[in-house]
Full PDB file with SEQRES, HELIX, SHEET, SSBOND, CRYST1, ORIGX, SCALE, CONECT and MASTER records, all heavy atoms in Angstrom:
SEQRES   1 A   42  GLY GLN VAL LEU ARG LEU PRO ALA TRP ILE PRO GLY SER          
SEQRES   2 A   42  TYR MET VAL ARG GLU PHE ALA ARG HIS ILE VAL GLN ILE          
SEQRES   3 A   42  SER ALA SER SER GLY LYS LYS ALA VAL ALA LEU THR LYS          
SEQRES   4 A   42  LEU ASP LYS                                                  
HELIX    1 AA1 PHE A   19  HIS A   22  5                                   4    
SHEET    1 AA1 2 ALA A  28  SER A  30  0                                        
SHEET    2 AA1 2 LYS A  33  VAL A  35 -1                                        
CRYST1    1.000    1.000    1.000  90.00  90.00  90.00 P 1           1          
ORIGX1      1.000000  0.000000  0.000000        0.00000                         
ORIGX2      0.000000  1.000000  0.000000        0.00000                         
ORIGX3      0.000000  0.000000  1.000000        0.00000                         
SCALE1      1.000000  0.000000  0.000000        0.00000                         
SCALE2      0.000000  1.000000  0.000000        0.00000                         
SCALE3      0.000000  0.000000  1.000000        0.00000                         
ATOM      1  N   GLY A   1     157.407 -85.863 -75.213  1.00  0.00           N  
ATOM      2  CA  GLY A   1     156.714 -84.586 -75.060  1.00  0.00           C  
ATOM      3  C   GLY A   1     156.102 -84.514 -73.675  1.00  0.00           C  
ATOM      4  O   GLY A   1     155.323 -85.389 -73.288  1.00  0.00           O  
ATOM      5  N   GLN A   2     156.472 -83.498 -72.923  1.00  0.00           N  
ATOM      6  CA  GLN A   2     156.033 -83.377 -71.536  1.00  0.00           C  
ATOM      7  C   GLN A   2     154.556 -82.983 -71.438  1.00  0.00           C  
ATOM      8  O   GLN A   2     154.122 -82.042 -72.096  1.00  0.00           O  
ATOM      9  CB  GLN A   2     156.892 -82.332 -70.805  1.00  0.00           C  
ATOM     10  CG  GLN A   2     156.591 -82.216 -69.334  1.00  0.00           C  
ATOM     11  CD  GLN A   2     156.923 -83.500 -68.584  1.00  0.00           C  
ATOM     12  OE1 GLN A   2     158.020 -84.024 -68.673  1.00  0.00           O  
ATOM     13  NE2 GLN A   2     155.943 -84.015 -67.847  1.00  0.00           N  
ATOM     14  N   VAL A   3     153.812 -83.682 -70.598  1.00  0.00           N  
ATOM     15  CA  VAL A   3     152.425 -83.343 -70.307  1.00  0.00           C  
ATOM     16  C   VAL A   3     152.409 -82.561 -68.997  1.00  0.00           C  
ATOM     17  O   VAL A   3     153.068 -82.950 -68.022  1.00  0.00           O  
ATOM     18  CB  VAL A   3     151.532 -84.599 -70.210  1.00  0.00           C  
ATOM     19  CG1 VAL A   3     150.123 -84.230 -69.755  1.00  0.00           C  
ATOM     20  CG2 VAL A   3     151.497 -85.328 -71.551  1.00  0.00           C  
ATOM     21  N   LEU A   4     151.652 -81.456 -68.999  1.00  0.00           N  
ATOM     22  CA  LEU A   4     151.465 -80.635 -67.804  1.00  0.00           C  
ATOM     23  C   LEU A   4     149.982 -80.439 -67.586  1.00  0.00           C  
ATOM     24  O   LEU A   4     149.225 -80.316 -68.552  1.00  0.00           O  
ATOM     25  CB  LEU A   4     152.150 -79.277 -67.972  1.00  0.00           C  
ATOM     26  CG  LEU A   4     153.656 -79.380 -68.187  1.00  0.00           C  
ATOM     27  CD1 LEU A   4     153.994 -78.920 -69.581  1.00  0.00           C  
ATOM     28  CD2 LEU A   4     154.385 -78.585 -67.150  1.00  0.00           C  
ATOM     29  N   ARG A   5     149.564 -80.383 -66.307  1.00  0.00           N  
ATOM     30  CA  ARG A   5     148.122 -80.284 -66.041  1.00  0.00           C  
ATOM     31  C   ARG A   5     147.847 -79.601 -64.713  1.00  0.00           C  
ATOM     32  O   ARG A   5     148.683 -79.595 -63.829  1.00  0.00           O  
ATOM     33  CB  ARG A   5     147.472 -81.651 -66.088  1.00  0.00           C  
ATOM     34  CG  ARG A   5     147.890 -82.591 -64.992  1.00  0.00           C  
ATOM     35  CD  ARG A   5     147.267 -83.991 -65.114  1.00  0.00           C  
ATOM     36  NE  ARG A   5     147.951 -84.789 -66.109  1.00  0.00           N  
ATOM     37  CZ  ARG A   5     147.358 -85.322 -67.179  1.00  0.00           C  
ATOM     38  NH1 ARG A   5     146.076 -85.159 -67.391  1.00  0.00           N  
ATOM     39  NH2 ARG A   5     148.039 -86.033 -68.039  1.00  0.00           N  
ATOM     40  N   LEU A   6     146.647 -79.056 -64.617  1.00  0.00           N  
ATOM     41  CA  LEU A   6     146.105 -78.572 -63.359  1.00  0.00           C  
ATOM     42  C   LEU A   6     144.998 -79.548 -62.953  1.00  0.00           C  
ATOM     43  O   LEU A   6     144.330 -80.119 -63.820  1.00  0.00           O  
ATOM     44  CB  LEU A   6     145.492 -77.175 -63.506  1.00  0.00           C  
ATOM     45  CG  LEU A   6     146.450 -76.003 -63.525  1.00  0.00           C  
ATOM     46  CD1 LEU A   6     145.685 -74.703 -63.763  1.00  0.00           C  
ATOM     47  CD2 LEU A   6     147.246 -75.898 -62.241  1.00  0.00           C  
ATOM     48  N   PRO A   7     144.769 -79.722 -61.660  1.00  0.00           N  
ATOM     49  CA  PRO A   7     143.688 -80.617 -61.251  1.00  0.00           C  
ATOM     50  C   PRO A   7     142.328 -80.002 -61.553  1.00  0.00           C  
ATOM     51  O   PRO A   7     142.194 -78.783 -61.685  1.00  0.00           O  
ATOM     52  CB  PRO A   7     143.900 -80.752 -59.738  1.00  0.00           C  
ATOM     53  CG  PRO A   7     144.587 -79.501 -59.351  1.00  0.00           C  
ATOM     54  CD  PRO A   7     145.457 -79.117 -60.518  1.00  0.00           C  
ATOM     55  N   ALA A   8     141.340 -80.840 -61.663  1.00  0.00           N  
ATOM     56  CA  ALA A   8     139.963 -80.366 -61.851  1.00  0.00           C  
ATOM     57  C   ALA A   8     139.275 -80.163 -60.506  1.00  0.00           C  
ATOM     58  O   ALA A   8     138.264 -79.486 -60.425  1.00  0.00           O  
ATOM     59  CB  ALA A   8     139.175 -81.351 -62.702  1.00  0.00           C  
ATOM     60  N   TRP A   9     139.855 -80.735 -59.440  1.00  0.00           N  
ATOM     61  CA  TRP A   9     139.288 -80.599 -58.106  1.00  0.00           C  
ATOM     62  C   TRP A   9     140.422 -80.727 -57.093  1.00  0.00           C  
ATOM     63  O   TRP A   9     141.529 -81.114 -57.448  1.00  0.00           O  
ATOM     64  CB  TRP A   9     138.215 -81.638 -57.842  1.00  0.00           C  
ATOM     65  CG  TRP A   9     138.732 -83.042 -57.798  1.00  0.00           C  
ATOM     66  CD1 TRP A   9     138.986 -83.850 -58.872  1.00  0.00           C  
ATOM     67  CD2 TRP A   9     139.130 -83.777 -56.640  1.00  0.00           C  
ATOM     68  NE1 TRP A   9     139.492 -85.041 -58.461  1.00  0.00           N  
ATOM     69  CE2 TRP A   9     139.593 -85.032 -57.086  1.00  0.00           C  
ATOM     70  CE3 TRP A   9     139.131 -83.518 -55.295  1.00  0.00           C  
ATOM     71  CZ2 TRP A   9     140.052 -86.008 -56.222  1.00  0.00           C  
ATOM     72  CZ3 TRP A   9     139.590 -84.491 -54.413  1.00  0.00           C  
ATOM     73  CH2 TRP A   9     140.036 -85.730 -54.894  1.00  0.00           C  
ATOM     74  N   ILE A  10     140.143 -80.400 -55.833  1.00  0.00           N  
ATOM     75  CA  ILE A  10     141.142 -80.543 -54.777  1.00  0.00           C  
ATOM     76  C   ILE A  10     140.512 -81.263 -53.587  1.00  0.00           C  
ATOM     77  O   ILE A  10     139.316 -81.173 -53.374  1.00  0.00           O  
ATOM     78  CB  ILE A  10     141.724 -79.183 -54.339  1.00  0.00           C  
ATOM     79  CG1 ILE A  10     140.647 -78.231 -53.830  1.00  0.00           C  
ATOM     80  CG2 ILE A  10     142.522 -78.558 -55.445  1.00  0.00           C  
ATOM     81  CD1 ILE A  10     141.173 -76.927 -53.245  1.00  0.00           C  
ATOM     82  N   PRO A  11     141.314 -82.000 -52.816  1.00  0.00           N  
ATOM     83  CA  PRO A  11     140.776 -82.674 -51.640  1.00  0.00           C  
ATOM     84  C   PRO A  11     140.098 -81.681 -50.695  1.00  0.00           C  
ATOM     85  O   PRO A  11     140.579 -80.567 -50.498  1.00  0.00           O  
ATOM     86  CB  PRO A  11     142.018 -83.297 -50.981  1.00  0.00           C  
ATOM     87  CG  PRO A  11     142.981 -83.471 -52.119  1.00  0.00           C  
ATOM     88  CD  PRO A  11     142.733 -82.285 -53.025  1.00  0.00           C  
ATOM     89  N   GLY A  12     139.002 -82.090 -50.112  1.00  0.00           N  
ATOM     90  CA  GLY A  12     138.259 -81.246 -49.196  1.00  0.00           C  
ATOM     91  C   GLY A  12     137.249 -80.353 -49.878  1.00  0.00           C  
ATOM     92  O   GLY A  12     136.444 -79.700 -49.232  1.00  0.00           O  
ATOM     93  N   SER A  13     137.280 -80.310 -51.193  1.00  0.00           N  
ATOM     94  CA  SER A  13     136.337 -79.503 -51.967  1.00  0.00           C  
ATOM     95  C   SER A  13     135.844 -80.389 -53.093  1.00  0.00           C  
ATOM     96  O   SER A  13     136.503 -80.517 -54.119  1.00  0.00           O  
ATOM     97  CB  SER A  13     137.031 -78.258 -52.518  1.00  0.00           C  
ATOM     98  OG  SER A  13     136.131 -77.501 -53.300  1.00  0.00           O  
ATOM     99  N   TYR A  14     134.724 -81.005 -52.899  1.00  0.00           N  
ATOM    100  CA  TYR A  14     134.311 -82.074 -53.776  1.00  0.00           C  
ATOM    101  C   TYR A  14     133.436 -81.645 -54.940  1.00  0.00           C  
ATOM    102  O   TYR A  14     132.563 -82.365 -55.388  1.00  0.00           O  
ATOM    103  CB  TYR A  14     133.654 -83.187 -52.945  1.00  0.00           C  
ATOM    104  CG  TYR A  14     134.653 -83.711 -51.958  1.00  0.00           C  
ATOM    105  CD1 TYR A  14     134.609 -83.347 -50.616  1.00  0.00           C  
ATOM    106  CD2 TYR A  14     135.698 -84.514 -52.377  1.00  0.00           C  
ATOM    107  CE1 TYR A  14     135.561 -83.810 -49.720  1.00  0.00           C  
ATOM    108  CE2 TYR A  14     136.653 -84.968 -51.493  1.00  0.00           C  
ATOM    109  CZ  TYR A  14     136.574 -84.608 -50.166  1.00  0.00           C  
ATOM    110  OH  TYR A  14     137.533 -85.061 -49.298  1.00  0.00           O  
ATOM    111  N   MET A  15     133.705 -80.456 -55.421  1.00  0.00           N  
ATOM    112  CA  MET A  15     133.063 -79.981 -56.647  1.00  0.00           C  
ATOM    113  C   MET A  15     134.147 -79.876 -57.718  1.00  0.00           C  
ATOM    114  O   MET A  15     135.309 -79.635 -57.421  1.00  0.00           O  
ATOM    115  CB  MET A  15     132.456 -78.591 -56.435  1.00  0.00           C  
ATOM    116  CG  MET A  15     131.269 -78.583 -55.499  1.00  0.00           C  
ATOM    117  SD  MET A  15     130.637 -76.904 -55.218  1.00  0.00           S  
ATOM    118  CE  MET A  15     130.415 -76.284 -56.862  1.00  0.00           C  
ATOM    119  N   VAL A  16     133.777 -80.051 -58.960  1.00  0.00           N  
ATOM    120  CA  VAL A  16     134.716 -79.851 -60.057  1.00  0.00           C  
ATOM    121  C   VAL A  16     134.997 -78.347 -60.147  1.00  0.00           C  
ATOM    122  O   VAL A  16     134.085 -77.537 -60.227  1.00  0.00           O  
ATOM    123  CB  VAL A  16     134.153 -80.406 -61.375  1.00  0.00           C  
ATOM    124  CG1 VAL A  16     135.060 -80.056 -62.540  1.00  0.00           C  
ATOM    125  CG2 VAL A  16     133.961 -81.910 -61.270  1.00  0.00           C  
ATOM    126  N   ARG A  17     136.258 -77.983 -60.101  1.00  0.00           N  
ATOM    127  CA  ARG A  17     136.667 -76.570 -60.060  1.00  0.00           C  
ATOM    128  C   ARG A  17     137.179 -76.060 -61.405  1.00  0.00           C  
ATOM    129  O   ARG A  17     137.116 -74.871 -61.658  1.00  0.00           O  
ATOM    130  CB  ARG A  17     137.744 -76.353 -59.002  1.00  0.00           C  
ATOM    131  CG  ARG A  17     137.296 -76.703 -57.612  1.00  0.00           C  
ATOM    132  CD  ARG A  17     136.328 -75.695 -57.089  1.00  0.00           C  
ATOM    133  NE  ARG A  17     135.766 -76.164 -55.818  1.00  0.00           N  
ATOM    134  CZ  ARG A  17     134.734 -75.623 -55.241  1.00  0.00           C  
ATOM    135  NH1 ARG A  17     134.140 -74.597 -55.787  1.00  0.00           N  
ATOM    136  NH2 ARG A  17     134.300 -76.102 -54.120  1.00  0.00           N  
ATOM    137  N   GLU A  18     137.740 -76.928 -62.216  1.00  0.00           N  
ATOM    138  CA  GLU A  18     138.275 -76.537 -63.528  1.00  0.00           C  
ATOM    139  C   GLU A  18     139.198 -75.329 -63.435  1.00  0.00           C  
ATOM    140  O   GLU A  18     139.005 -74.300 -64.074  1.00  0.00           O  
ATOM    141  CB  GLU A  18     137.136 -76.261 -64.523  1.00  0.00           C  
ATOM    142  CG  GLU A  18     136.235 -77.434 -64.789  1.00  0.00           C  
ATOM    143  CD  GLU A  18     136.893 -78.617 -65.466  1.00  0.00           C  
ATOM    144  OE1 GLU A  18     138.053 -78.522 -65.905  1.00  0.00           O  
ATOM    145  OE2 GLU A  18     136.254 -79.671 -65.536  1.00  0.00           O  
ATOM    146  N   PHE A  19     140.265 -75.450 -62.632  1.00  0.00           N  
ATOM    147  CA  PHE A  19     141.212 -74.350 -62.452  1.00  0.00           C  
ATOM    148  C   PHE A  19     141.847 -73.900 -63.764  1.00  0.00           C  
ATOM    149  O   PHE A  19     142.191 -72.732 -63.924  1.00  0.00           O  
ATOM    150  CB  PHE A  19     142.304 -74.756 -61.468  1.00  0.00           C  
ATOM    151  CG  PHE A  19     141.796 -75.027 -60.083  1.00  0.00           C  
ATOM    152  CD1 PHE A  19     141.908 -76.286 -59.519  1.00  0.00           C  
ATOM    153  CD2 PHE A  19     141.201 -74.031 -59.337  1.00  0.00           C  
ATOM    154  CE1 PHE A  19     141.445 -76.537 -58.241  1.00  0.00           C  
ATOM    155  CE2 PHE A  19     140.727 -74.265 -58.052  1.00  0.00           C  
ATOM    156  CZ  PHE A  19     140.858 -75.534 -57.505  1.00  0.00           C  
ATOM    157  N   ALA A  20     142.013 -74.791 -64.711  1.00  0.00           N  
ATOM    158  CA  ALA A  20     142.676 -74.450 -65.977  1.00  0.00           C  
ATOM    159  C   ALA A  20     141.921 -73.395 -66.768  1.00  0.00           C  
ATOM    160  O   ALA A  20     142.515 -72.700 -67.602  1.00  0.00           O  
ATOM    161  CB  ALA A  20     142.868 -75.698 -66.822  1.00  0.00           C  
ATOM    162  N   ARG A  21     140.648 -73.202 -66.498  1.00  0.00           N  
ATOM    163  CA  ARG A  21     139.893 -72.172 -67.235  1.00  0.00           C  
ATOM    164  C   ARG A  21     140.399 -70.770 -66.927  1.00  0.00           C  
ATOM    165  O   ARG A  21     140.114 -69.830 -67.655  1.00  0.00           O  
ATOM    166  CB  ARG A  21     138.401 -72.288 -66.960  1.00  0.00           C  
ATOM    167  CG  ARG A  21     137.989 -71.947 -65.555  1.00  0.00           C  
ATOM    168  CD  ARG A  21     136.499 -72.276 -65.313  1.00  0.00           C  
ATOM    169  NE  ARG A  21     136.209 -72.305 -63.908  1.00  0.00           N  
ATOM    170  CZ  ARG A  21     135.659 -71.315 -63.227  1.00  0.00           C  
ATOM    171  NH1 ARG A  21     135.300 -70.217 -63.847  1.00  0.00           N  
ATOM    172  NH2 ARG A  21     135.450 -71.426 -61.933  1.00  0.00           N  
ATOM    173  N   HIS A  22     141.188 -70.629 -65.852  1.00  0.00           N  
ATOM    174  CA  HIS A  22     141.737 -69.326 -65.489  1.00  0.00           C  
ATOM    175  C   HIS A  22     143.086 -69.039 -66.146  1.00  0.00           C  
ATOM    176  O   HIS A  22     143.634 -67.954 -65.972  1.00  0.00           O  
ATOM    177  CB  HIS A  22     141.854 -69.209 -63.969  1.00  0.00           C  
ATOM    178  CG  HIS A  22     140.530 -69.309 -63.283  1.00  0.00           C  
ATOM    179  ND1 HIS A  22     139.539 -68.375 -63.429  1.00  0.00           N  
ATOM    180  CD2 HIS A  22     140.031 -70.263 -62.466  1.00  0.00           C  
ATOM    181  CE1 HIS A  22     138.484 -68.738 -62.721  1.00  0.00           C  
ATOM    182  NE2 HIS A  22     138.754 -69.889 -62.137  1.00  0.00           N  
ATOM    183  N   ILE A  23     143.613 -70.006 -66.886  1.00  0.00           N  
ATOM    184  CA  ILE A  23     144.839 -69.751 -67.659  1.00  0.00           C  
ATOM    185  C   ILE A  23     144.417 -69.004 -68.913  1.00  0.00           C  
ATOM    186  O   ILE A  23     143.701 -69.537 -69.748  1.00  0.00           O  
ATOM    187  CB  ILE A  23     145.584 -71.052 -67.991  1.00  0.00           C  
ATOM    188  CG1 ILE A  23     146.124 -71.680 -66.705  1.00  0.00           C  
ATOM    189  CG2 ILE A  23     146.722 -70.770 -68.975  1.00  0.00           C  
ATOM    190  CD1 ILE A  23     146.878 -72.969 -66.893  1.00  0.00           C  
ATOM    191  N   VAL A  24     144.865 -67.753 -69.016  1.00  0.00           N  
ATOM    192  CA  VAL A  24     144.413 -66.905 -70.116  1.00  0.00           C  
ATOM    193  C   VAL A  24     145.424 -66.822 -71.261  1.00  0.00           C  
ATOM    194  O   VAL A  24     145.084 -66.381 -72.358  1.00  0.00           O  
ATOM    195  CB  VAL A  24     144.032 -65.488 -69.633  1.00  0.00           C  
ATOM    196  CG1 VAL A  24     142.840 -65.563 -68.689  1.00  0.00           C  
ATOM    197  CG2 VAL A  24     145.202 -64.792 -68.967  1.00  0.00           C  
ATOM    198  N   GLN A  25     146.640 -67.239 -71.004  1.00  0.00           N  
ATOM    199  CA  GLN A  25     147.670 -67.258 -72.035  1.00  0.00           C  
ATOM    200  C   GLN A  25     148.708 -68.280 -71.612  1.00  0.00           C  
ATOM    201  O   GLN A  25     149.037 -68.386 -70.434  1.00  0.00           O  
ATOM    202  CB  GLN A  25     148.295 -65.860 -72.170  1.00  0.00           C  
ATOM    203  CG  GLN A  25     149.257 -65.660 -73.319  1.00  0.00           C  
ATOM    204  CD  GLN A  25     150.681 -66.146 -72.999  1.00  0.00           C  
ATOM    205  OE1 GLN A  25     151.115 -66.183 -71.857  1.00  0.00           O  
ATOM    206  NE2 GLN A  25     151.394 -66.554 -74.031  1.00  0.00           N  
ATOM    207  N   ILE A  26     149.234 -69.053 -72.585  1.00  0.00           N  
ATOM    208  CA  ILE A  26     150.241 -70.066 -72.281  1.00  0.00           C  
ATOM    209  C   ILE A  26     151.161 -70.236 -73.483  1.00  0.00           C  
ATOM    210  O   ILE A  26     150.715 -70.190 -74.631  1.00  0.00           O  
ATOM    211  CB  ILE A  26     149.584 -71.416 -71.866  1.00  0.00           C  
ATOM    212  CG1 ILE A  26     150.639 -72.407 -71.382  1.00  0.00           C  
ATOM    213  CG2 ILE A  26     148.706 -71.973 -72.966  1.00  0.00           C  
ATOM    214  CD1 ILE A  26     150.068 -73.640 -70.676  1.00  0.00           C  
ATOM    215  N   SER A  27     152.459 -70.395 -73.218  1.00  0.00           N  
ATOM    216  CA  SER A  27     153.433 -70.636 -74.282  1.00  0.00           C  
ATOM    217  C   SER A  27     154.577 -71.458 -73.707  1.00  0.00           C  
ATOM    218  O   SER A  27     154.761 -71.528 -72.498  1.00  0.00           O  
ATOM    219  CB  SER A  27     153.958 -69.323 -74.862  1.00  0.00           C  
ATOM    220  OG  SER A  27     154.637 -68.580 -73.861  1.00  0.00           O  
ATOM    221  N   ALA A  28     155.334 -72.088 -74.594  1.00  0.00           N  
ATOM    222  CA  ALA A  28     156.453 -72.916 -74.169  1.00  0.00           C  
ATOM    223  C   ALA A  28     157.666 -72.619 -75.020  1.00  0.00           C  
ATOM    224  O   ALA A  28     157.550 -72.193 -76.174  1.00  0.00           O  
ATOM    225  CB  ALA A  28     156.076 -74.399 -74.285  1.00  0.00           C  
ATOM    226  N   SER A  29     158.844 -72.883 -74.437  1.00  0.00           N  
ATOM    227  CA  SER A  29     160.091 -72.695 -75.168  1.00  0.00           C  
ATOM    228  C   SER A  29     161.138 -73.654 -74.628  1.00  0.00           C  
ATOM    229  O   SER A  29     161.021 -74.186 -73.526  1.00  0.00           O  
ATOM    230  CB  SER A  29     160.585 -71.244 -75.046  1.00  0.00           C  
ATOM    231  OG  SER A  29     160.843 -70.935 -73.686  1.00  0.00           O  
ATOM    232  N   SER A  30     162.157 -73.853 -75.434  1.00  0.00           N  
ATOM    233  CA  SER A  30     163.327 -74.614 -75.031  1.00  0.00           C  
ATOM    234  C   SER A  30     164.525 -73.855 -75.592  1.00  0.00           C  
ATOM    235  O   SER A  30     164.629 -73.683 -76.808  1.00  0.00           O  
ATOM    236  CB  SER A  30     163.280 -76.038 -75.589  1.00  0.00           C  
ATOM    237  OG  SER A  30     164.393 -76.778 -75.134  1.00  0.00           O  
ATOM    238  N   GLY A  31     165.365 -73.381 -74.711  1.00  0.00           N  
ATOM    239  CA  GLY A  31     166.403 -72.456 -75.160  1.00  0.00           C  
ATOM    240  C   GLY A  31     165.719 -71.198 -75.659  1.00  0.00           C  
ATOM    241  O   GLY A  31     164.843 -70.652 -75.002  1.00  0.00           O  
ATOM    242  N   LYS A  32     166.056 -70.777 -76.845  1.00  0.00           N  
ATOM    243  CA  LYS A  32     165.417 -69.584 -77.435  1.00  0.00           C  
ATOM    244  C   LYS A  32     164.367 -69.943 -78.482  1.00  0.00           C  
ATOM    245  O   LYS A  32     163.851 -69.078 -79.173  1.00  0.00           O  
ATOM    246  CB  LYS A  32     166.480 -68.675 -78.044  1.00  0.00           C  
ATOM    247  CG  LYS A  32     167.406 -68.088 -77.007  1.00  0.00           C  
ATOM    248  CD  LYS A  32     168.383 -67.125 -77.605  1.00  0.00           C  
ATOM    249  CE  LYS A  32     169.282 -66.558 -76.515  1.00  0.00           C  
ATOM    250  NZ  LYS A  32     170.154 -65.520 -76.992  1.00  0.00           N  
ATOM    251  N   LYS A  33     164.028 -71.234 -78.574  1.00  0.00           N  
ATOM    252  CA  LYS A  33     163.081 -71.673 -79.591  1.00  0.00           C  
ATOM    253  C   LYS A  33     161.704 -71.913 -78.990  1.00  0.00           C  
ATOM    254  O   LYS A  33     161.569 -72.521 -77.930  1.00  0.00           O  
ATOM    255  CB  LYS A  33     163.561 -72.971 -80.247  1.00  0.00           C  
ATOM    256  CG  LYS A  33     164.826 -72.809 -81.057  1.00  0.00           C  
ATOM    257  CD  LYS A  33     165.195 -74.099 -81.733  1.00  0.00           C  
ATOM    258  CE  LYS A  33     166.467 -73.915 -82.546  1.00  0.00           C  
ATOM    259  NZ  LYS A  33     166.847 -75.151 -83.218  1.00  0.00           N  
ATOM    260  N   ALA A  34     160.673 -71.449 -79.703  1.00  0.00           N  
ATOM    261  CA  ALA A  34     159.291 -71.702 -79.287  1.00  0.00           C  
ATOM    262  C   ALA A  34     158.997 -73.198 -79.438  1.00  0.00           C  
ATOM    263  O   ALA A  34     159.515 -73.859 -80.349  1.00  0.00           O  
ATOM    264  CB  ALA A  34     158.324 -70.901 -80.135  1.00  0.00           C  
ATOM    265  N   VAL A  35     158.188 -73.712 -78.550  1.00  0.00           N  
ATOM    266  CA  VAL A  35     157.791 -75.114 -78.561  1.00  0.00           C  
ATOM    267  C   VAL A  35     156.276 -75.189 -78.665  1.00  0.00           C  
ATOM    268  O   VAL A  35     155.573 -74.486 -77.924  1.00  0.00           O  
ATOM    269  CB  VAL A  35     158.284 -75.842 -77.284  1.00  0.00           C  
ATOM    270  CG1 VAL A  35     157.741 -77.261 -77.200  1.00  0.00           C  
ATOM    271  CG2 VAL A  35     159.801 -75.828 -77.204  1.00  0.00           C  
ATOM    272  N   ALA A  36     155.781 -76.023 -79.557  1.00  0.00           N  
ATOM    273  CA  ALA A  36     154.337 -76.172 -79.718  1.00  0.00           C  
ATOM    274  C   ALA A  36     153.710 -76.846 -78.505  1.00  0.00           C  
ATOM    275  O   ALA A  36     154.274 -77.787 -77.943  1.00  0.00           O  
ATOM    276  CB  ALA A  36     154.038 -76.993 -80.979  1.00  0.00           C  
ATOM    277  N   LEU A  37     152.556 -76.333 -78.113  1.00  0.00           N  
ATOM    278  CA  LEU A  37     151.761 -76.945 -77.046  1.00  0.00           C  
ATOM    279  C   LEU A  37     150.446 -77.400 -77.644  1.00  0.00           C  
ATOM    280  O   LEU A  37     149.808 -76.660 -78.384  1.00  0.00           O  
ATOM    281  CB  LEU A  37     151.449 -75.923 -75.947  1.00  0.00           C  
ATOM    282  CG  LEU A  37     152.551 -75.569 -74.968  1.00  0.00           C  
ATOM    283  CD1 LEU A  37     152.111 -74.434 -74.068  1.00  0.00           C  
ATOM    284  CD2 LEU A  37     152.970 -76.776 -74.152  1.00  0.00           C  
ATOM    285  N   THR A  38     150.043 -78.605 -77.298  1.00  0.00           N  
ATOM    286  CA  THR A  38     148.754 -79.145 -77.739  1.00  0.00           C  
ATOM    287  C   THR A  38     147.872 -79.309 -76.511  1.00  0.00           C  
ATOM    288  O   THR A  38     148.285 -79.928 -75.526  1.00  0.00           O  
ATOM    289  CB  THR A  38     148.953 -80.518 -78.420  1.00  0.00           C  
ATOM    290  OG1 THR A  38     149.831 -80.356 -79.523  1.00  0.00           O  
ATOM    291  CG2 THR A  38     147.620 -81.094 -78.884  1.00  0.00           C  
ATOM    292  N   LYS A  39     146.673 -78.756 -76.570  1.00  0.00           N  
ATOM    293  CA  LYS A  39     145.736 -78.916 -75.463  1.00  0.00           C  
ATOM    294  C   LYS A  39     145.097 -80.293 -75.594  1.00  0.00           C  
ATOM    295  O   LYS A  39     144.481 -80.608 -76.601  1.00  0.00           O  
ATOM    296  CB  LYS A  39     144.683 -77.813 -75.464  1.00  0.00           C  
ATOM    297  CG  LYS A  39     143.876 -77.801 -74.189  1.00  0.00           C  
ATOM    298  CD  LYS A  39     143.262 -76.461 -73.915  1.00  0.00           C  
ATOM    299  CE  LYS A  39     142.623 -76.538 -72.538  1.00  0.00           C  
ATOM    300  NZ  LYS A  39     142.070 -75.317 -72.089  1.00  0.00           N  
ATOM    301  N   LEU A  40     145.272 -81.128 -74.578  1.00  0.00           N  
ATOM    302  CA  LEU A  40     144.767 -82.498 -74.618  1.00  0.00           C  
ATOM    303  C   LEU A  40     143.325 -82.615 -74.144  1.00  0.00           C  
ATOM    304  O   LEU A  40     142.578 -83.457 -74.624  1.00  0.00           O  
ATOM    305  CB  LEU A  40     145.657 -83.400 -73.753  1.00  0.00           C  
ATOM    306  CG  LEU A  40     147.131 -83.465 -74.147  1.00  0.00           C  
ATOM    307  CD1 LEU A  40     147.905 -84.314 -73.146  1.00  0.00           C  
ATOM    308  CD2 LEU A  40     147.293 -83.995 -75.570  1.00  0.00           C  
ATOM    309  N   ASP A  41     142.965 -81.806 -73.175  1.00  0.00           N  
ATOM    310  CA  ASP A  41     141.614 -81.783 -72.629  1.00  0.00           C  
ATOM    311  C   ASP A  41     141.442 -80.471 -71.876  1.00  0.00           C  
ATOM    312  O   ASP A  41     142.261 -79.574 -72.041  1.00  0.00           O  
ATOM    313  CB  ASP A  41     141.323 -83.014 -71.745  1.00  0.00           C  
ATOM    314  CG  ASP A  41     142.342 -83.199 -70.640  1.00  0.00           C  
ATOM    315  OD1 ASP A  41     142.858 -82.179 -70.113  1.00  0.00           O  
ATOM    316  OD2 ASP A  41     142.633 -84.343 -70.278  1.00  0.00           O  
ATOM    317  N   LYS A  42     140.428 -80.357 -71.044  1.00  0.00           N  
ATOM    318  CA  LYS A  42     140.151 -79.082 -70.363  1.00  0.00           C  
ATOM    319  C   LYS A  42     141.278 -78.595 -69.463  1.00  0.00           C  
ATOM    320  O   LYS A  42     141.396 -77.415 -69.203  1.00  0.00           O  
ATOM    321  CB  LYS A  42     138.887 -79.203 -69.499  1.00  0.00           C  
ATOM    322  CG  LYS A  42     137.612 -79.257 -70.272  1.00  0.00           C  
ATOM    323  CD  LYS A  42     136.463 -79.319 -69.293  1.00  0.00           C  
ATOM    324  CE  LYS A  42     135.134 -79.379 -69.988  1.00  0.00           C  
ATOM    325  NZ  LYS A  42     134.024 -79.419 -69.026  1.00  0.00           N  
TER     326      LYS A  42                                                      
MASTER        0    0    0    1    2    0    0    6  325    1    0    4          
END                                                                             
């Protein structure tokens, strides 16, 4: 099962940014079939 992630911070900006909070909708598929996604952390 593939893990995908956004960083919580970027070099040169040393604050936690939590970019993933801006993802407002997410879905996955393989071929024409929906694939379940499990949120592992923030």
